[in-house]
Amino acid sequence: KYADSVKGRFAISRDNAKNTVYLQMDSLNPEDAGVYYCYM
């Protein structure tokens, strides 16, 4: 699932074996600024 505001610009992926999640963020704009919290 993606927030509408990031669709087409962000890509989430996950490595289950490593309990790791990634977020590739492209075409960043000032509205994307903030504190990003990992969630599980």
All heavy atoms as atom14 arrays in JSON, in Angstrom:
{
  "sequence": "KYADSVKGRFAISRDNAKNTVYLQMDSLNPEDAGVYYCYM",
  "atom14_mask": [
    [1, 1, 1, 1, 1, 1, 1, 1, 1, 0, 0, 0, 0, 0],
    [1, 1, 1, 1, 1, 1, 1, 1, 1, 1, 1, 1, 0, 0],
    [1, 1, 1, 1, 1, 0, 0, 0, 0, 0, 0, 0, 0, 0],
    [1, 1, 1, 1, 1, 1, 1, 1, 0, 0, 0, 0, 0, 0],
    [1, 1, 1, 1, 1, 1, 0, 0, 0, 0, 0, 0, 0, 0],
    [1, 1, 1, 1, 1, 1, 1, 0, 0, 0, 0, 0, 0, 0],
    [1, 1, 1, 1, 1, 1, 1, 1, 1, 0, 0, 0, 0, 0],
    [1, 1, 1, 1, 0, 0, 0, 0, 0, 0, 0, 0, 0, 0],
    [1, 1, 1, 1, 1, 1, 1, 1, 1, 1, 1, 0, 0, 0],
    [1, 1, 1, 1, 1, 1, 1, 1, 1, 1, 1, 0, 0, 0],
    [1, 1, 1, 1, 1, 0, 0, 0, 0, 0, 0, 0, 0, 0],
    [1, 1, 1, 1, 1, 1, 1, 1, 0, 0, 0, 0, 0, 0],
    [1, 1, 1, 1, 1, 1, 0, 0, 0, 0, 0, 0, 0, 0],
    [1, 1, 1, 1, 1, 1, 1, 1, 1, 1, 1, 0, 0, 0],
    [1, 1, 1, 1, 1, 1, 1, 1, 0, 0, 0, 0, 0, 0],
    [1, 1, 1, 1, 1, 1, 1, 1, 0, 0, 0, 0, 0, 0],
    [1, 1, 1, 1, 1, 0, 0, 0, 0, 0, 0, 0, 0, 0],
    [1, 1, 1, 1, 1, 1, 1, 1, 1, 0, 0, 0, 0, 0],
    [1, 1, 1, 1, 1, 1, 1, 1, 0, 0, 0, 0, 0, 0],
    [1, 1, 1, 1, 1, 1, 1, 0, 0, 0, 0, 0, 0, 0],
    [1, 1, 1, 1, 1, 1, 1, 0, 0, 0, 0, 0, 0, 0],
    [1, 1, 1, 1, 1, 1, 1, 1, 1, 1, 1, 1, 0, 0],
    [1, 1, 1, 1, 1, 1, 1, 1, 0, 0, 0, 0, 0, 0],
    [1, 1, 1, 1, 1, 1, 1, 1, 1, 0, 0, 0, 0, 0],
    [1, 1, 1, 1, 1, 1, 1, 1, 0, 0, 0, 0, 0, 0],
    [1, 1, 1, 1, 1, 1, 1, 1, 0, 0, 0, 0, 0, 0],
    [1, 1, 1, 1, 1, 1, 0, 0, 0, 0, 0, 0, 0, 0],
    [1, 1, 1, 1, 1, 1, 1, 1, 0, 0, 0, 0, 0, 0],
    [1, 1, 1, 1, 1, 1, 1, 1, 0, 0, 0, 0, 0, 0],
    [1, 1, 1, 1, 1, 1, 1, 0, 0, 0, 0, 0, 0, 0],
    [1, 1, 1, 1, 1, 1, 1, 1, 1, 0, 0, 0, 0, 0],
    [1, 1, 1, 1, 1, 1, 1, 1, 0, 0, 0, 0, 0, 0],
    [1, 1, 1, 1, 1, 0, 0, 0, 0, 0, 0, 0, 0, 0],
    [1, 1, 1, 1, 0, 0, 0, 0, 0, 0, 0, 0, 0, 0],
    [1, 1, 1, 1, 1, 1, 1, 0, 0, 0, 0, 0, 0, 0],
    [1, 1, 1, 1, 1, 1, 1, 1, 1, 1, 1, 1, 0, 0],
    [1, 1, 1, 1, 1, 1, 1, 1, 1, 1, 1, 1, 0, 0],
    [1, 1, 1, 1, 1, 1, 0, 0, 0, 0, 0, 0, 0, 0],
    [1, 1, 1, 1, 1, 1, 1, 1, 1, 1, 1, 1, 0, 0],
    [1, 1, 1, 1, 1, 1, 1, 1, 0, 0, 0, 0, 0, 0]
  ],
  "atom14_positions": [
    [[0.85, -1.19, 0.0], [0.0, 0.0, 0.0], [0.88, 1.24, 0.0], [1.91, 1.27, 0.67], [-0.9, 0.03, 1.24], [-2.01, -0.99, 1.25], [-2.9, -0.79, 2.46], [-4.05, -1.8, 2.5], [-4.9, -1.6, 3.7], [0.0, 0.0, 0.0], [0.0, 0.0, 0.0], [0.0, 0.0, 0.0], [0.0, 0.0, 0.0], [0.0, 0.0, 0.0]],
    [[0.45, 2.25, -0.75], [1.14, 3.55, -0.76], [0.14, 4.66, -0.48], [-1.03, 4.59, -0.89], [1.77, 3.82, -2.13], [2.92, 2.95, -2.51], [2.79, 1.97, -3.48], [4.18, 3.13, -1.92], [3.85, 1.17, -3.85], [5.25, 2.34, -2.29], [5.09, 1.36, -3.25], [6.15, 0.57, -3.62], [0.0, 0.0, 0.0], [0.0, 0.0, 0.0]],
    [[0.63, 5.7, 0.16], [-0.15, 6.93, 0.23], [-0.26, 7.49, -1.19], [0.68, 7.38, -1.99], [0.53, 7.95, 1.14], [0.0, 0.0, 0.0], [0.0, 0.0, 0.0], [0.0, 0.0, 0.0], [0.0, 0.0, 0.0], [0.0, 0.0, 0.0], [0.0, 0.0, 0.0], [0.0, 0.0, 0.0], [0.0, 0.0, 0.0], [0.0, 0.0, 0.0]],
    [[-1.39, 8.11, -1.49], [-1.58, 8.65, -2.84], [-0.48, 9.64, -3.21], [-0.07, 9.72, -4.37], [-2.95, 9.34, -2.94], [-4.1, 8.35, -2.94], [-3.87, 7.15, -3.22], [-5.25, 8.77, -2.68], [0.0, 0.0, 0.0], [0.0, 0.0, 0.0], [0.0, 0.0, 0.0], [0.0, 0.0, 0.0], [0.0, 0.0, 0.0], [0.0, 0.0, 0.0]],
    [[0.0, 10.38, -2.24], [0.98, 11.43, -2.51], [2.34, 10.89, -2.94], [3.16, 11.66, -3.46], [1.14, 12.32, -1.27], [1.59, 11.55, -0.17], [0.0, 0.0, 0.0], [0.0, 0.0, 0.0], [0.0, 0.0, 0.0], [0.0, 0.0, 0.0], [0.0, 0.0, 0.0], [0.0, 0.0, 0.0], [0.0, 0.0, 0.0], [0.0, 0.0, 0.0]],
    [[2.6, 9.61, -2.72], [3.93, 9.07, -3.06], [3.88, 8.03, -4.17], [4.94, 7.56, -4.61], [4.62, 8.47, -1.81], [4.65, 9.48, -0.67], [3.97, 7.16, -1.37], [0.0, 0.0, 0.0], [0.0, 0.0, 0.0], [0.0, 0.0, 0.0], [0.0, 0.0, 0.0], [0.0, 0.0, 0.0], [0.0, 0.0, 0.0], [0.0, 0.0, 0.0]],
    [[2.69, 7.69, -4.62], [2.57, 6.68, -5.68], [3.34, 7.11, -6.92], [3.25, 8.26, -7.35], [1.1, 6.45, -6.02], [0.34, 5.64, -4.99], [-1.12, 5.46, -5.39], [-1.88, 4.65, -4.34], [-3.32, 4.52, -4.67], [0.0, 0.0, 0.0], [0.0, 0.0, 0.0], [0.0, 0.0, 0.0], [0.0, 0.0, 0.0], [0.0, 0.0, 0.0]],
    [[4.09, 6.19, -7.48], [4.88, 6.47, -8.67], [6.25, 7.07, -8.39], [7.08, 7.18, -9.29], [0.0, 0.0, 0.0], [0.0, 0.0, 0.0], [0.0, 0.0, 0.0], [0.0, 0.0, 0.0], [0.0, 0.0, 0.0], [0.0, 0.0, 0.0], [0.0, 0.0, 0.0], [0.0, 0.0, 0.0], [0.0, 0.0, 0.0], [0.0, 0.0, 0.0]],
    [[6.48, 7.47, -7.13], [7.76, 8.08, -6.78], [8.53, 7.25, -5.75], [9.76, 7.24, -5.76], [7.55, 9.49, -6.21], [6.87, 10.44, -7.16], [6.85, 11.87, -6.59], [6.09, 11.95, -5.36], [6.61, 12.36, -4.19], [7.89, 12.7, -4.12], [5.84, 12.43, -3.11], [0.0, 0.0, 0.0], [0.0, 0.0, 0.0], [0.0, 0.0, 0.0]],
    [[7.81, 6.59, -4.85], [8.43, 5.79, -3.81], [8.2, 4.31, -4.1], [7.18, 3.93, -4.69], [7.8, 6.11, -2.44], [8.13, 7.46, -1.89], [8.73, 8.46, -2.66], [7.82, 7.76, -0.57], [9.01, 9.71, -2.14], [8.1, 9.0, -0.03], [8.69, 9.98, -0.82], [0.0, 0.0, 0.0], [0.0, 0.0, 0.0], [0.0, 0.0, 0.0]],
    [[9.16, 3.49, -3.65], [9.03, 2.04, -3.8], [9.47, 1.36, -2.52], [10.59, 1.59, -2.05], [9.86, 1.55, -4.98], [0.0, 0.0, 0.0], [0.0, 0.0, 0.0], [0.0, 0.0, 0.0], [0.0, 0.0, 0.0], [0.0, 0.0, 0.0], [0.0, 0.0, 0.0], [0.0, 0.0, 0.0], [0.0, 0.0, 0.0], [0.0, 0.0, 0.0]],
    [[8.59, 0.55, -1.97], [8.89, -0.18, -0.74], [9.24, -1.61, -1.1], [8.68, -2.2, -2.03], [7.71, -0.12, 0.25], [8.11, -0.66, 1.62], [6.49, -0.86, -0.3], [7.07, -0.41, 2.71], [0.0, 0.0, 0.0], [0.0, 0.0, 0.0], [0.0, 0.0, 0.0], [0.0, 0.0, 0.0], [0.0, 0.0, 0.0], [0.0, 0.0, 0.0]],
    [[10.2, -2.16, -0.35], [10.56, -3.56, -0.53], [10.96, -4.13, 0.82], [11.15, -3.39, 1.79], [11.7, -3.71, -1.55], [12.85, -3.02, -1.13], [0.0, 0.0, 0.0], [0.0, 0.0, 0.0], [0.0, 0.0, 0.0], [0.0, 0.0, 0.0], [0.0, 0.0, 0.0], [0.0, 0.0, 0.0], [0.0, 0.0, 0.0], [0.0, 0.0, 0.0]],
    [[11.13, -5.43, 0.84], [11.32, -6.09, 2.13], [12.13, -7.36, 1.94], [11.97, -8.07, 0.95], [9.94, -6.41, 2.7], [9.88, -7.24, 3.96], [8.44, -7.33, 4.43], [8.33, -8.22, 5.57], [7.23, -8.38, 6.29], [6.14, -7.7, 5.97], [7.22, -9.21, 7.3], [0.0, 0.0, 0.0], [0.0, 0.0, 0.0], [0.0, 0.0, 0.0]],
    [[12.97, -7.64, 2.93], [13.71, -8.89, 2.99], [13.25, -9.62, 4.24], [13.67, -9.27, 5.36], [15.22, -8.62, 3.03], [16.05, -9.89, 2.95], [15.57, -10.96, 3.38], [17.18, -9.82, 2.47], [0.0, 0.0, 0.0], [0.0, 0.0, 0.0], [0.0, 0.0, 0.0], [0.0, 0.0, 0.0], [0.0, 0.0, 0.0], [0.0, 0.0, 0.0]],
    [[12.35, -10.58, 4.09], [11.78, -11.25, 5.24], [12.83, -11.98, 6.07], [12.76, -12.03, 7.3], [10.7, -12.24, 4.79], [9.47, -11.55, 4.24], [9.13, -10.43, 4.66], [8.79, -12.19, 3.31], [0.0, 0.0, 0.0], [0.0, 0.0, 0.0], [0.0, 0.0, 0.0], [0.0, 0.0, 0.0], [0.0, 0.0, 0.0], [0.0, 0.0, 0.0]],
    [[13.8, -12.56, 5.4], [14.82, -13.32, 6.11], [15.66, -12.44, 7.02], [16.21, -12.9, 8.03], [15.71, -14.04, 5.12], [0.0, 0.0, 0.0], [0.0, 0.0, 0.0], [0.0, 0.0, 0.0], [0.0, 0.0, 0.0], [0.0, 0.0, 0.0], [0.0, 0.0, 0.0], [0.0, 0.0, 0.0], [0.0, 0.0, 0.0], [0.0, 0.0, 0.0]],
    [[15.77, -11.16, 6.65], [16.6, -10.23, 7.42], [15.77, -9.26, 8.26], [16.34, -8.36, 8.88], [17.5, -9.43, 6.48], [18.51, -10.28, 5.72], [19.37, -9.42, 4.81], [20.39, -10.26, 4.07], [21.25, -9.45, 3.17], [0.0, 0.0, 0.0], [0.0, 0.0, 0.0], [0.0, 0.0, 0.0], [0.0, 0.0, 0.0], [0.0, 0.0, 0.0]],
    [[14.44, -9.44, 8.27], [13.56, -8.51, 9.0], [13.89, -7.06, 8.65], [13.98, -6.19, 9.52], [13.66, -8.71, 10.52], [12.92, -9.95, 10.99], [12.21, -10.59, 10.22], [13.09, -10.3, 12.25], [0.0, 0.0, 0.0], [0.0, 0.0, 0.0], [0.0, 0.0, 0.0], [0.0, 0.0, 0.0], [0.0, 0.0, 0.0], [0.0, 0.0, 0.0]],
    [[14.05, -6.82, 7.38], [14.47, -5.5, 6.9], [13.48, -4.98, 5.88], [13.02, -5.73, 5.01], [15.87, -5.58, 6.26], [16.79, -6.09, 7.23], [16.33, -4.22, 5.78], [0.0, 0.0, 0.0], [0.0, 0.0, 0.0], [0.0, 0.0, 0.0], [0.0, 0.0, 0.0], [0.0, 0.0, 0.0], [0.0, 0.0, 0.0], [0.0, 0.0, 0.0]],
    [[13.19, -3.7, 5.99], [12.32, -3.02, 5.02], [13.06, -1.82, 4.46], [13.83, -1.17, 5.17], [10.98, -2.61, 5.66], [11.17, -1.6, 6.78], [10.01, -2.09, 4.63], [0.0, 0.0, 0.0], [0.0, 0.0, 0.0], [0.0, 0.0, 0.0], [0.0, 0.0, 0.0], [0.0, 0.0, 0.0], [0.0, 0.0, 0.0], [0.0, 0.0, 0.0]],
    [[12.84, -1.57, 3.17], [13.5, -0.48, 2.47], [12.45, 0.46, 1.87], [11.34, 0.03, 1.55], [14.37, -1.02, 1.33], [15.35, -2.08, 1.75], [15.02, -3.43, 1.65], [16.6, -1.74, 2.25], [15.91, -4.42, 2.03], [17.5, -2.73, 2.63], [17.14, -4.06, 2.52], [18.04, -5.03, 2.91], [0.0, 0.0, 0.0], [0.0, 0.0, 0.0]],
    [[12.84, 1.7, 1.7], [11.99, 2.66, 1.02], [12.85, 3.5, 0.09], [13.64, 4.32, 0.55], [11.24, 3.56, 2.01], [10.22, 4.51, 1.38], [9.04, 3.71, 0.8], [9.71, 5.53, 2.39], [0.0, 0.0, 0.0], [0.0, 0.0, 0.0], [0.0, 0.0, 0.0], [0.0, 0.0, 0.0], [0.0, 0.0, 0.0], [0.0, 0.0, 0.0]],
    [[12.71, 3.25, -1.2], [13.4, 4.05, -2.21], [12.52, 5.24, -2.53], [11.39, 5.07, -2.98], [13.66, 3.21, -3.47], [14.29, 3.98, -4.61], [15.69, 4.48, -4.27], [16.47, 3.77, -3.64], [16.0, 5.71, -4.69], [0.0, 0.0, 0.0], [0.0, 0.0, 0.0], [0.0, 0.0, 0.0], [0.0, 0.0, 0.0], [0.0, 0.0, 0.0]],
    [[13.05, 6.43, -2.32], [12.28, 7.64, -2.52], [12.92, 8.46, -3.64], [14.07, 8.89, -3.51], [12.24, 8.47, -1.23], [11.72, 7.69, -0.03], [11.48, 8.72, 1.43], [13.17, 9.15, 1.82], [0.0, 0.0, 0.0], [0.0, 0.0, 0.0], [0.0, 0.0, 0.0], [0.0, 0.0, 0.0], [0.0, 0.0, 0.0], [0.0, 0.0, 0.0]],
    [[12.21, 8.63, -4.72], [12.68, 9.4, -5.87], [11.82, 10.64, -6.07], [10.71, 10.72, -5.56], [12.64, 8.52, -7.13], [13.56, 7.32, -7.04], [14.65, 7.46, -6.48], [13.18, 6.25, -7.55], [0.0, 0.0, 0.0], [0.0, 0.0, 0.0], [0.0, 0.0, 0.0], [0.0, 0.0, 0.0], [0.0, 0.0, 0.0], [0.0, 0.0, 0.0]],
    [[12.34, 11.56, -6.85], [11.62, 12.8, -7.16], [11.08, 13.47, -5.89], [9.92, 13.88, -5.83], [10.45, 12.51, -8.13], [10.92, 11.93, -9.32], [0.0, 0.0, 0.0], [0.0, 0.0, 0.0], [0.0, 0.0, 0.0], [0.0, 0.0, 0.0], [0.0, 0.0, 0.0], [0.0, 0.0, 0.0], [0.0, 0.0, 0.0], [0.0, 0.0, 0.0]],
    [[11.93, 13.57, -4.9], [11.52, 14.15, -3.62], [11.19, 15.63, -3.78], [11.82, 16.35, -4.56], [12.62, 13.97, -2.59], [12.74, 12.54, -2.03], [14.1, 12.33, -1.4], [11.63, 12.29, -1.02], [0.0, 0.0, 0.0], [0.0, 0.0, 0.0], [0.0, 0.0, 0.0], [0.0, 0.0, 0.0], [0.0, 0.0, 0.0], [0.0, 0.0, 0.0]],
    [[10.19, 16.08, -3.05], [9.83, 17.48, -3.02], [9.73, 17.95, -1.57], [9.72, 17.13, -0.65], [8.52, 17.71, -3.79], [7.35, 16.91, -3.23], [6.99, 17.09, -2.07], [6.77, 16.03, -4.04], [0.0, 0.0, 0.0], [0.0, 0.0, 0.0], [0.0, 0.0, 0.0], [0.0, 0.0, 0.0], [0.0, 0.0, 0.0], [0.0, 0.0, 0.0]],
    [[9.67, 19.25, -1.35], [9.67, 19.76, 0.04], [8.53, 19.2, 0.9], [8.68, 19.11, 2.12], [9.56, 21.27, -0.15], [10.23, 21.52, -1.46], [9.85, 20.34, -2.31], [0.0, 0.0, 0.0], [0.0, 0.0, 0.0], [0.0, 0.0, 0.0], [0.0, 0.0, 0.0], [0.0, 0.0, 0.0], [0.0, 0.0, 0.0], [0.0, 0.0, 0.0]],
    [[7.42, 18.82, 0.27], [6.31, 18.27, 1.03], [6.62, 16.88, 1.59], [5.89, 16.38, 2.46], [5.05, 18.2, 0.16], [4.41, 19.55, -0.15], [5.24, 20.37, -1.11], [5.84, 19.79, -2.04], [5.29, 21.61, -0.93], [0.0, 0.0, 0.0], [0.0, 0.0, 0.0], [0.0, 0.0, 0.0], [0.0, 0.0, 0.0], [0.0, 0.0, 0.0]],
    [[7.67, 16.26, 1.11], [8.06, 14.94, 1.61], [8.92, 15.03, 2.88], [9.21, 14.0, 3.5], [8.86, 14.18, 0.55], [8.04, 13.85, -0.68], [6.88, 13.42, -0.53], [8.57, 14.03, -1.81], [0.0, 0.0, 0.0], [0.0, 0.0, 0.0], [0.0, 0.0, 0.0], [0.0, 0.0, 0.0], [0.0, 0.0, 0.0], [0.0, 0.0, 0.0]],
    [[9.32, 16.22, 3.25], [10.2, 16.38, 4.4], [9.48, 16.0, 5.71], [8.27, 16.19, 5.83], [10.7, 17.81, 4.48], [0.0, 0.0, 0.0], [0.0, 0.0, 0.0], [0.0, 0.0, 0.0], [0.0, 0.0, 0.0], [0.0, 0.0, 0.0], [0.0, 0.0, 0.0], [0.0, 0.0, 0.0], [0.0, 0.0, 0.0], [0.0, 0.0, 0.0]],
    [[10.26, 15.5, 6.65], [9.71, 15.14, 7.94], [10.52, 14.03, 8.58], [11.58, 13.66, 8.09], [0.0, 0.0, 0.0], [0.0, 0.0, 0.0], [0.0, 0.0, 0.0], [0.0, 0.0, 0.0], [0.0, 0.0, 0.0], [0.0, 0.0, 0.0], [0.0, 0.0, 0.0], [0.0, 0.0, 0.0], [0.0, 0.0, 0.0], [0.0, 0.0, 0.0]],
    [[9.99, 13.5, 9.65], [10.6, 12.36, 10.31], [9.91, 11.11, 9.81], [8.68, 11.0, 9.87], [10.49, 12.46, 11.85], [11.13, 11.24, 12.5], [11.12, 13.75, 12.34], [0.0, 0.0, 0.0], [0.0, 0.0, 0.0], [0.0, 0.0, 0.0], [0.0, 0.0, 0.0], [0.0, 0.0, 0.0], [0.0, 0.0, 0.0], [0.0, 0.0, 0.0]],
    [[10.7, 10.19, 9.31], [10.18, 8.93, 8.8], [10.38, 7.84, 9.85], [11.5, 7.61, 10.3], [10.88, 8.57, 7.5], [10.35, 9.35, 6.32], [10.56, 10.73, 6.23], [9.63, 8.74, 5.31], [10.05, 11.46, 5.17], [9.12, 9.45, 4.24], [9.33, 10.82, 4.17], [8.83, 11.54, 3.11], [0.0, 0.0, 0.0], [0.0, 0.0, 0.0]],
    [[9.29, 7.2, 10.2], [9.3, 6.18, 11.24], [9.1, 4.8, 10.63], [8.12, 4.56, 9.9], [8.19, 6.42, 12.26], [8.3, 7.71, 13.01], [7.7, 8.88, 12.55], [9.03, 7.78, 14.2], [7.81, 10.06, 13.24], [9.14, 8.97, 14.91], [8.53, 10.11, 14.42], [8.64, 11.29, 15.11], [0.0, 0.0, 0.0], [0.0, 0.0, 0.0]],
    [[10.01, 3.91, 10.93], [9.84, 2.52, 10.55], [8.71, 1.92, 11.38], [8.58, 2.22, 12.58], [11.14, 1.76, 10.78], [11.11, 0.03, 10.27], [0.0, 0.0, 0.0], [0.0, 0.0, 0.0], [0.0, 0.0, 0.0], [0.0, 0.0, 0.0], [0.0, 0.0, 0.0], [0.0, 0.0, 0.0], [0.0, 0.0, 0.0], [0.0, 0.0, 0.0]],
    [[7.91, 1.09, 10.75], [6.74, 0.51, 11.41], [6.71, -0.99, 11.17], [7.09, -1.45, 10.08], [5.47, 1.15, 10.85], [4.2, 0.36, 11.1], [3.57, 0.41, 12.34], [3.64, -0.43, 10.1], [2.41, -0.31, 12.56], [2.49, -1.16, 10.32], [1.87, -1.1, 11.55], [0.73, -1.82, 11.78], [0.0, 0.0, 0.0], [0.0, 0.0, 0.0]],
    [[6.24, -1.72, 12.16], [6.01, -3.13, 11.94], [4.88, -3.62, 12.85], [4.64, -3.07, 13.91], [7.29, -3.95, 12.12], [7.79, -4.1, 13.53], [7.26, -5.73, 14.17], [8.24, -5.76, 15.7], [0.0, 0.0, 0.0], [0.0, 0.0, 0.0], [0.0, 0.0, 0.0], [0.0, 0.0, 0.0], [0.0, 0.0, 0.0], [0.0, 0.0, 0.0]]
  ]
}
